[in-house]
Structure formats: C-alpha cells, structure tokens
Amino acid sequence: MADNCPKSCGKCEVKTTEAPKPCEDSRTWCERWAISGMCTQEIFKDYMKIKCPKSCQHC
C-alpha cells in the first residue's frame, strides 16, 4: 500500500524550508560606515558583512 499511496501512508519525504532572515543591520552606524567605504576595506570587510549586511548590500 505504501508504494501506491505514499502520501496517505505517511511515506513521503517531508521537506521543510527555513524562512529567509530579514536583511537588517545590527549596528546603528552601519549606514555611515558603509558610506565611508568600510564595506570594501580589507580590515573591516568580514565584520561589516556580518554586522551591516543591509548597508553593504550583502542580502
């Protein structure tokens, strides 16, 4: 029966998807930092990608 009616028998693979995370900056100064070029400066790039994704256009 499971071969003929997998959905009814609960044999279907259930796929769940995670809702996309909102694209938000976590620091109030992100926009100013981005304007000053910190999104592309090697020393700040990783930090900015994590803390300021919206201002650095990473999402």
Protein backbone atom coordinates (compact mmCIF):
# COMPACT_ATOMS: atom_id res chain seq x y z
CA MET A 1 0.00 0.00 0.00
CA ALA A 2 2.84 2.40 0.82
CA ASP A 3 4.14 2.08 -2.76
CA ASN A 4 0.77 3.08 -4.25
CA CYS A 5 -0.26 5.73 -1.74
CA PRO A 6 2.89 7.10 -0.14
CA LYS A 7 1.33 10.42 0.86
CA SER A 8 -1.67 8.83 2.55
CA CYS A 9 0.55 6.31 4.32
CA GLY A 10 2.94 8.99 5.56
CA LYS A 11 5.86 7.68 3.50
CA CYS A 12 6.58 10.87 1.58
CA GLU A 13 9.76 12.73 2.31
CA VAL A 14 8.90 15.92 4.14
CA LYS A 15 10.93 18.92 3.08
CA THR A 16 10.96 21.93 5.31
CA THR A 17 12.35 25.26 4.32
CA GLU A 18 13.58 27.94 6.62
CA ALA A 19 12.07 31.37 6.25
CA PRO A 20 14.61 33.85 4.92
CA LYS A 21 16.20 36.02 7.55
CA PRO A 22 15.38 39.70 7.31
CA CYS A 23 18.11 41.83 5.83
CA GLU A 24 18.96 44.13 8.72
CA ASP A 25 21.98 45.91 10.09
CA SER A 26 22.76 45.20 13.73
CA ARG A 27 24.65 48.43 14.38
CA THR A 28 23.20 51.94 14.24
CA TRP A 29 26.27 53.37 12.49
CA CYS A 30 26.27 50.85 9.60
CA GLU A 31 24.97 53.27 7.00
CA ARG A 32 27.62 55.86 7.85
CA TRP A 33 30.36 53.23 7.91
CA ALA A 34 29.24 51.92 4.51
CA ILE A 35 29.26 55.42 3.01
CA SER A 36 32.80 55.89 4.29
CA GLY A 37 33.89 52.75 2.41
CA MET A 38 34.30 50.29 5.25
CA CYS A 39 32.37 47.55 3.38
CA THR A 40 35.24 47.13 0.96
CA GLN A 41 38.23 47.89 3.19
CA GLU A 42 40.09 44.64 3.82
CA ILE A 43 40.45 45.22 7.56
CA PHE A 44 36.69 45.76 8.06
CA LYS A 45 35.14 43.58 5.31
CA ASP A 46 34.34 40.50 7.40
CA TYR A 47 32.92 42.50 10.30
CA MET A 48 30.79 44.64 8.01
CA LYS A 49 29.41 41.62 6.16
CA ILE A 50 28.15 40.17 9.45
CA LYS A 51 27.03 43.31 11.28
CA CYS A 52 25.97 45.55 8.37
CA PRO A 53 24.64 43.31 5.57
CA LYS A 54 21.92 45.74 4.50
CA SER A 55 24.18 48.78 4.23
CA CYS A 56 26.88 46.75 2.47
CA GLN A 57 24.34 45.16 0.10
CA HIS A 58 25.06 41.56 1.11
CA CYS A 59 21.43 40.46 1.06
